[in-house]
Amino acid sequence: MRAVRGTLIVVGIVLLASGGWWLLTRQDLPQLVGVMIWLAAVVVVHDGVLSAASALRHRLRRSAPPRDPDERTP
């Protein structure tokens, strides 16, 4: 299992490096700026929307009355 995991890590790093190389060498500046804006938007959406939704869901679950463990649903 360790050999498989190590192989997958090495393959992933090689693919990530080759993809980054292709991105930087095959694209012009406006395309790279577009990629950077897209990546920044992904971070904003994840942190701003998904984290807030997760916190709201957690808060709503804590405020709900506890269910009776003996009560079974069909």
PDB file of N, CA and C in Angstrom:
ATOM      1  N   MET A   1       0.825  -1.195   0.000  1.00  0.00           N
ATOM      2  CA  MET A   1       0.000   0.000   0.000  1.00  0.00           C
ATOM      3  C   MET A   1       0.870   1.260   0.000  1.00  0.00           C
ATOM      4  N   ARG A   2       2.001   1.196   0.712  1.00  0.00           N
ATOM      5  CA  ARG A   2       2.881   2.359   0.746  1.00  0.00           C
ATOM      6  C   ARG A   2       3.470   2.650  -0.632  1.00  0.00           C
ATOM      7  N   ALA A   3       3.785   1.593  -1.365  1.00  0.00           N
ATOM      8  CA  ALA A   3       4.349   1.784  -2.706  1.00  0.00           C
ATOM      9  C   ALA A   3       3.326   2.429  -3.633  1.00  0.00           C
ATOM     10  N   VAL A   4       2.076   2.002  -3.539  1.00  0.00           N
ATOM     11  CA  VAL A   4       1.018   2.578  -4.374  1.00  0.00           C
ATOM     12  C   VAL A   4       0.814   4.044  -4.013  1.00  0.00           C
ATOM     13  N   ARG A   5       0.773   4.328  -2.714  1.00  0.00           N
ATOM     14  CA  ARG A   5       0.578   5.710  -2.275  1.00  0.00           C
ATOM     15  C   ARG A   5       1.743   6.584  -2.735  1.00  0.00           C
ATOM     16  N   GLY A   6       2.959   6.097  -2.586  1.00  0.00           N
ATOM     17  CA  GLY A   6       4.129   6.856  -3.027  1.00  0.00           C
ATOM     18  C   GLY A   6       4.122   7.091  -4.522  1.00  0.00           C
ATOM     19  N   THR A   7       3.737   6.073  -5.278  1.00  0.00           N
ATOM     20  CA  THR A   7       3.658   6.208  -6.733  1.00  0.00           C
ATOM     21  C   THR A   7       2.613   7.247  -7.121  1.00  0.00           C
ATOM     22  N   LEU A   8       1.467   7.202  -6.483  1.00  0.00           N
ATOM     23  CA  LEU A   8       0.417   8.182  -6.796  1.00  0.00           C
ATOM     24  C   LEU A   8       0.844   9.601  -6.435  1.00  0.00           C
ATOM     25  N   ILE A   9       1.583   9.751  -5.339  1.00  0.00           N
ATOM     26  CA  ILE A   9       2.073  11.079  -4.963  1.00  0.00           C
ATOM     27  C   ILE A   9       3.057  11.594  -6.003  1.00  0.00           C
ATOM     28  N   VAL A  10       3.980  10.747  -6.431  1.00  0.00           N
ATOM     29  CA  VAL A  10       4.970  11.156  -7.430  1.00  0.00           C
ATOM     30  C   VAL A  10       4.283  11.493  -8.754  1.00  0.00           C
ATOM     31  N   VAL A  11       3.349  10.659  -9.184  1.00  0.00           N
ATOM     32  CA  VAL A  11       2.626  10.924 -10.437  1.00  0.00           C
ATOM     33  C   VAL A  11       1.851  12.238 -10.326  1.00  0.00           C
ATOM     34  N   GLY A  12       1.221  12.478  -9.190  1.00  0.00           N
ATOM     35  CA  GLY A  12       0.481  13.724  -8.996  1.00  0.00           C
ATOM     36  C   GLY A  12       1.376  14.940  -9.053  1.00  0.00           C
ATOM     37  N   ILE A  13       2.549  14.857  -8.431  1.00  0.00           N
ATOM     38  CA  ILE A  13       3.479  15.984  -8.457  1.00  0.00           C
ATOM     39  C   ILE A  13       3.987  16.235  -9.872  1.00  0.00           C
ATOM     40  N   VAL A  14       4.300  15.171 -10.594  1.00  0.00           N
ATOM     41  CA  VAL A  14       4.772  15.326 -11.978  1.00  0.00           C
ATOM     42  C   VAL A  14       3.682  15.949 -12.853  1.00  0.00           C
ATOM     43  N   LEU A  15       2.444  15.482 -12.711  1.00  0.00           N
ATOM     44  CA  LEU A  15       1.352  16.053 -13.505  1.00  0.00           C
ATOM     45  C   LEU A  15       1.082  17.509 -13.135  1.00  0.00           C
ATOM     46  N   LEU A  16       1.142  17.827 -11.855  1.00  0.00           N
ATOM     47  CA  LEU A  16       0.945  19.207 -11.415  1.00  0.00           C
ATOM     48  C   LEU A  16       2.045  20.114 -11.962  1.00  0.00           C
ATOM     49  N   ALA A  17       3.290  19.658 -11.897  1.00  0.00           N
ATOM     50  CA  ALA A  17       4.409  20.455 -12.410  1.00  0.00           C
ATOM     51  C   ALA A  17       4.306  20.634 -13.922  1.00  0.00           C
ATOM     52  N   SER A  18       3.966  19.567 -14.650  1.00  0.00           N
ATOM     53  CA  SER A  18       3.856  19.697 -16.103  1.00  0.00           C
ATOM     54  C   SER A  18       2.683  20.597 -16.482  1.00  0.00           C
ATOM     55  N   GLY A  19       1.586  20.508 -15.762  1.00  0.00           N
ATOM     56  CA  GLY A  19       0.455  21.402 -16.033  1.00  0.00           C
ATOM     57  C   GLY A  19       0.803  22.853 -15.770  1.00  0.00           C
ATOM     58  N   GLY A  20       1.518  23.111 -14.671  1.00  0.00           N
ATOM     59  CA  GLY A  20       1.962  24.479 -14.393  1.00  0.00           C
ATOM     60  C   GLY A  20       2.924  24.988 -15.450  1.00  0.00           C
ATOM     61  N   TRP A  21       3.831  24.128 -15.901  1.00  0.00           N
ATOM     62  CA  TRP A  21       4.768  24.511 -16.959  1.00  0.00           C
ATOM     63  C   TRP A  21       4.020  24.848 -18.249  1.00  0.00           C
ATOM     64  N   TRP A  22       3.081  24.018 -18.620  1.00  0.00           N
ATOM     65  CA  TRP A  22       2.305  24.279 -19.835  1.00  0.00           C
ATOM     66  C   TRP A  22       1.492  25.561 -19.707  1.00  0.00           C
ATOM     67  N   LEU A  23       0.940  25.785 -18.524  1.00  0.00           N
ATOM     68  CA  LEU A  23       0.149  26.992 -18.310  1.00  0.00           C
ATOM     69  C   LEU A  23       1.018  28.232 -18.488  1.00  0.00           C
ATOM     70  N   LEU A  24       2.203  28.219 -17.890  1.00  0.00           N
ATOM     71  CA  LEU A  24       3.047  29.406 -17.931  1.00  0.00           C
ATOM     72  C   LEU A  24       3.721  29.618 -19.280  1.00  0.00           C
ATOM     73  N   THR A  25       4.006  28.554 -20.009  1.00  0.00           N
ATOM     74  CA  THR A  25       4.725  28.714 -21.277  1.00  0.00           C
ATOM     75  C   THR A  25       3.808  28.826 -22.490  1.00  0.00           C
ATOM     76  N   ARG A  26       2.586  28.388 -22.394  1.00  0.00           N
ATOM     77  CA  ARG A  26       1.703  28.361 -23.579  1.00  0.00           C
ATOM     78  C   ARG A  26       0.632  29.457 -23.577  1.00  0.00           C
ATOM     79  N   GLN A  27       0.534  30.222 -22.497  1.00  0.00           N
ATOM     80  CA  GLN A  27      -0.507  31.235 -22.397  1.00  0.00           C
ATOM     81  C   GLN A  27       0.119  32.624 -22.408  1.00  0.00           C
ATOM     82  N   ASP A  28      -0.629  33.594 -22.916  1.00  0.00           N
ATOM     83  CA  ASP A  28      -0.136  34.961 -22.855  1.00  0.00           C
ATOM     84  C   ASP A  28      -0.636  35.630 -21.569  1.00  0.00           C
ATOM     85  N   LEU A  29      -0.188  36.851 -21.330  1.00  0.00           N
ATOM     86  CA  LEU A  29      -0.456  37.532 -20.070  1.00  0.00           C
ATOM     87  C   LEU A  29      -1.949  37.716 -19.768  1.00  0.00           C
ATOM     88  N   PRO A  30      -2.784  38.158 -20.722  1.00  0.00           N
ATOM     89  CA  PRO A  30      -4.211  38.305 -20.389  1.00  0.00           C
ATOM     90  C   PRO A  30      -4.875  36.985 -19.968  1.00  0.00           C
ATOM     91  N   GLN A  31      -4.455  35.887 -20.573  1.00  0.00           N
ATOM     92  CA  GLN A  31      -5.012  34.601 -20.180  1.00  0.00           C
ATOM     93  C   GLN A  31      -4.560  34.216 -18.777  1.00  0.00           C
ATOM     94  N   LEU A  32      -3.310  34.494 -18.428  1.00  0.00           N
ATOM     95  CA  LEU A  32      -2.821  34.211 -17.085  1.00  0.00           C
ATOM     96  C   LEU A  32      -3.535  35.068 -16.038  1.00  0.00           C
ATOM     97  N   VAL A  33      -3.803  36.321 -16.382  1.00  0.00           N
ATOM     98  CA  VAL A  33      -4.542  37.195 -15.469  1.00  0.00           C
ATOM     99  C   VAL A  33      -5.951  36.647 -15.260  1.00  0.00           C
ATOM    100  N   GLY A  34      -6.570  36.157 -16.326  1.00  0.00           N
ATOM    101  CA  GLY A  34      -7.896  35.557 -16.201  1.00  0.00           C
ATOM    102  C   GLY A  34      -7.889  34.341 -15.292  1.00  0.00           C
ATOM    103  N   VAL A  35      -6.848  33.519 -15.383  1.00  0.00           N
ATOM    104  CA  VAL A  35      -6.731  32.346 -14.509  1.00  0.00           C
ATOM    105  C   VAL A  35      -6.563  32.785 -13.062  1.00  0.00           C
ATOM    106  N   MET A  36      -5.736  33.807 -12.831  1.00  0.00           N
ATOM    107  CA  MET A  36      -5.530  34.288 -11.454  1.00  0.00           C
ATOM    108  C   MET A  36      -6.821  34.853 -10.868  1.00  0.00           C
ATOM    109  N   ILE A  37      -7.590  35.569 -11.673  1.00  0.00           N
ATOM    110  CA  ILE A  37      -8.873  36.106 -11.203  1.00  0.00           C
ATOM    111  C   ILE A  37      -9.831  34.967 -10.883  1.00  0.00           C
ATOM    112  N   TRP A  38      -9.865  33.956 -11.729  1.00  0.00           N
ATOM    113  CA  TRP A  38     -10.737  32.808 -11.496  1.00  0.00           C
ATOM    114  C   TRP A  38     -10.354  32.095 -10.205  1.00  0.00           C
ATOM    115  N   LEU A  39      -9.056  31.878  -9.982  1.00  0.00           N
ATOM    116  CA  LEU A  39      -8.608  31.215  -8.758  1.00  0.00           C
ATOM    117  C   LEU A  39      -8.939  32.049  -7.519  1.00  0.00           C
ATOM    118  N   ALA A  40      -8.790  33.369  -7.611  1.00  0.00           N
ATOM    119  CA  ALA A  40      -9.143  34.229  -6.485  1.00  0.00           C
ATOM    120  C   ALA A  40     -10.649  34.156  -6.220  1.00  0.00           C
ATOM    121  N   ALA A  41     -11.461  34.097  -7.267  1.00  0.00           N
ATOM    122  CA  ALA A  41     -12.913  33.992  -7.089  1.00  0.00           C
ATOM    123  C   ALA A  41     -13.288  32.672  -6.420  1.00  0.00           C
ATOM    124  N   VAL A  42     -12.564  31.608  -6.748  1.00  0.00           N
ATOM    125  CA  VAL A  42     -12.834  30.318  -6.115  1.00  0.00           C
ATOM    126  C   VAL A  42     -12.597  30.404  -4.606  1.00  0.00           C
ATOM    127  N   VAL A  43     -11.518  31.065  -4.200  1.00  0.00           N
ATOM    128  CA  VAL A  43     -11.221  31.215  -2.779  1.00  0.00           C
ATOM    129  C   VAL A  43     -12.294  32.053  -2.099  1.00  0.00           C
ATOM    130  N   VAL A  44     -12.715  33.135  -2.736  1.00  0.00           N
ATOM    131  CA  VAL A  44     -13.740  34.004  -2.153  1.00  0.00           C
ATOM    132  C   VAL A  44     -15.056  33.251  -2.006  1.00  0.00           C
ATOM    133  N   VAL A  45     -15.452  32.498  -3.023  1.00  0.00           N
ATOM    134  CA  VAL A  45     -16.704  31.741  -2.957  1.00  0.00           C
ATOM    135  C   VAL A  45     -16.621  30.680  -1.872  1.00  0.00           C
ATOM    136  N   HIS A  46     -15.511  29.975  -1.804  1.00  0.00           N
ATOM    137  CA  HIS A  46     -15.379  28.929  -0.795  1.00  0.00           C
ATOM    138  C   HIS A  46     -15.429  29.520   0.609  1.00  0.00           C
ATOM    139  N   ASP A  47     -14.605  30.538   0.860  1.00  0.00           N
ATOM    140  CA  ASP A  47     -14.530  31.091   2.208  1.00  0.00           C
ATOM    141  C   ASP A  47     -15.761  31.913   2.559  1.00  0.00           C
ATOM    142  N   GLY A  48     -16.277  32.660   1.597  1.00  0.00           N
ATOM    143  CA  GLY A  48     -17.384  33.563   1.897  1.00  0.00           C
ATOM    144  C   GLY A  48     -18.743  32.906   1.897  1.00  0.00           C
ATOM    145  N   VAL A  49     -18.974  31.989   0.995  1.00  0.00           N
ATOM    146  CA  VAL A  49     -20.305  31.408   0.854  1.00  0.00           C
ATOM    147  C   VAL A  49     -20.397  30.048   1.546  1.00  0.00           C
ATOM    148  N   LEU A  50     -19.518  29.139   1.202  1.00  0.00           N
ATOM    149  CA  LEU A  50     -19.621  27.794   1.756  1.00  0.00           C
ATOM    150  C   LEU A  50     -19.332  27.762   3.253  1.00  0.00           C
ATOM    151  N   SER A  51     -18.353  28.510   3.707  1.00  0.00           N
ATOM    152  CA  SER A  51     -18.055  28.532   5.139  1.00  0.00           C
ATOM    153  C   SER A  51     -19.206  29.170   5.914  1.00  0.00           C
ATOM    154  N   ALA A  52     -19.779  30.224   5.379  1.00  0.00           N
ATOM    155  CA  ALA A  52     -20.914  30.857   6.050  1.00  0.00           C
ATOM    156  C   ALA A  52     -22.119  29.921   6.088  1.00  0.00           C
ATOM    157  N   ALA A  53     -22.365  29.221   5.010  1.00  0.00           N
ATOM    158  CA  ALA A  53     -23.477  28.267   4.984  1.00  0.00           C
ATOM    159  C   ALA A  53     -23.247  27.130   5.970  1.00  0.00           C
ATOM    160  N   SER A  54     -22.010  26.674   6.050  1.00  0.00           N
ATOM    161  CA  SER A  54     -21.688  25.605   6.990  1.00  0.00           C
ATOM    162  C   SER A  54     -21.870  26.073   8.432  1.00  0.00           C
ATOM    163  N   ALA A  55     -21.436  27.283   8.739  1.00  0.00           N
ATOM    164  CA  ALA A  55     -21.601  27.821  10.089  1.00  0.00           C
ATOM    165  C   ALA A  55     -23.076  27.998  10.424  1.00  0.00           C
ATOM    166  N   LEU A  56     -23.861  28.471   9.476  1.00  0.00           N
ATOM    167  CA  LEU A  56     -25.296  28.636   9.703  1.00  0.00           C
ATOM    168  C   LEU A  56     -25.964  27.289   9.941  1.00  0.00           C
ATOM    169  N   ARG A  57     -25.599  26.301   9.161  1.00  0.00           N
ATOM    170  CA  ARG A  57     -26.161  24.953   9.343  1.00  0.00           C
ATOM    171  C   ARG A  57     -25.805  24.403  10.720  1.00  0.00           C
ATOM    172  N   HIS A  58     -24.572  24.607  11.139  1.00  0.00           N
ATOM    173  CA  HIS A  58     -24.149  24.138  12.458  1.00  0.00           C
ATOM    174  C   HIS A  58     -24.929  24.844  13.560  1.00  0.00           C
ATOM    175  N   ARG A  59     -25.115  26.146  13.397  1.00  0.00           N
ATOM    176  CA  ARG A  59     -25.836  26.912  14.408  1.00  0.00           C
ATOM    177  C   ARG A  59     -27.304  26.469  14.479  1.00  0.00           C
ATOM    178  N   LEU A  60     -27.906  26.195  13.324  1.00  0.00           N
ATOM    179  CA  LEU A  60     -29.299  25.757  13.315  1.00  0.00           C
ATOM    180  C   LEU A  60     -29.435  24.361  13.927  1.00  0.00           C
ATOM    181  N   ARG A  61     -28.467  23.500  13.701  1.00  0.00           N
ATOM    182  CA  ARG A  61     -28.528  22.148  14.278  1.00  0.00           C
ATOM    183  C   ARG A  61     -28.366  22.203  15.791  1.00  0.00           C
ATOM    184  N   ARG A  62     -27.563  23.132  16.308  1.00  0.00           N
ATOM    185  CA  ARG A  62     -27.377  23.237  17.754  1.00  0.00           C
ATOM    186  C   ARG A  62     -28.616  23.792  18.437  1.00  0.00           C
ATOM    187  N   SER A  63     -29.355  24.659  17.739  1.00  0.00           N
ATOM    188  CA  SER A  63     -30.519  25.274  18.369  1.00  0.00           C
ATOM    189  C   SER A  63     -31.765  24.390  18.279  1.00  0.00           C
ATOM    190  N   ALA A  64     -31.726  23.350  17.480  1.00  0.00           N
ATOM    191  CA  ALA A  64     -32.877  22.453  17.370  1.00  0.00           C
ATOM    192  C   ALA A  64     -33.004  21.624  18.647  1.00  0.00           C
ATOM    193  N   PRO A  65     -34.229  21.326  19.059  1.00  0.00           N
ATOM    194  CA  PRO A  65     -34.390  20.512  20.263  1.00  0.00           C
ATOM    195  C   PRO A  65     -33.843  19.103  20.035  1.00  0.00           C
ATOM    196  N   PRO A  66     -33.254  18.505  21.059  1.00  0.00           N
ATOM    197  CA  PRO A  66     -32.702  17.160  20.884  1.00  0.00           C
ATOM    198  C   PRO A  66     -33.799  16.146  20.616  1.00  0.00           C
ATOM    199  N   ARG A  67     -33.490  15.180  19.750  1.00  0.00           N
ATOM    200  CA  ARG A  67     -34.465  14.138  19.443  1.00  0.00           C
ATOM    201  C   ARG A  67     -34.381  13.052  20.498  1.00  0.00           C
ATOM    202  N   ASP A  68     -35.513  12.422  20.735  1.00  0.00           N
ATOM    203  CA  ASP A  68     -35.572  11.332  21.701  1.00  0.00           C
ATOM    204  C   ASP A  68     -34.898  10.117  21.079  1.00  0.00           C
ATOM    205  N   PRO A  69     -33.848   9.554  21.711  1.00  0.00           N
ATOM    206  CA  PRO A  69     -33.158   8.412  21.100  1.00  0.00           C
ATOM    207  C   PRO A  69     -34.011   7.167  21.033  1.00  0.00           C
ATOM    208  N   ASP A  70     -35.070   7.073  21.869  1.00  0.00           N
ATOM    209  CA  ASP A  70     -35.941   5.906  21.845  1.00  0.00           C
ATOM    210  C   ASP A  70     -36.973   5.986  20.731  1.00  0.00           C
ATOM    211  N   GLU A  71     -37.171   7.180  20.191  1.00  0.00           N
ATOM    212  CA  GLU A  71     -38.156   7.369  19.130  1.00  0.00           C
ATOM    213  C   GLU A  71     -37.561   6.897  17.819  1.00  0.00           C
ATOM    214  N   ARG A  72     -38.194   5.946  17.201  1.00  0.00           N
ATOM    215  CA  ARG A  72     -37.665   5.369  15.962  1.00  0.00           C
ATOM    216  C   ARG A  72     -38.510   5.850  14.789  1.00  0.00           C
ATOM    217  N   THR A  73     -37.822   6.143  13.690  1.00  0.00           N
ATOM    218  CA  THR A  73     -38.542   6.554  12.482  1.00  0.00           C
ATOM    219  C   THR A  73     -38.698   5.348  11.585  1.00  0.00           C
ATOM    220  N   PRO A  74     -39.857   5.209  10.951  1.00  0.00           N
ATOM    221  CA  PRO A  74     -40.075   4.033  10.102  1.00  0.00           C
ATOM    222  C   PRO A  74     -39.289   4.098   8.821  1.00  0.00           C
TER     223      PRO A  74
END
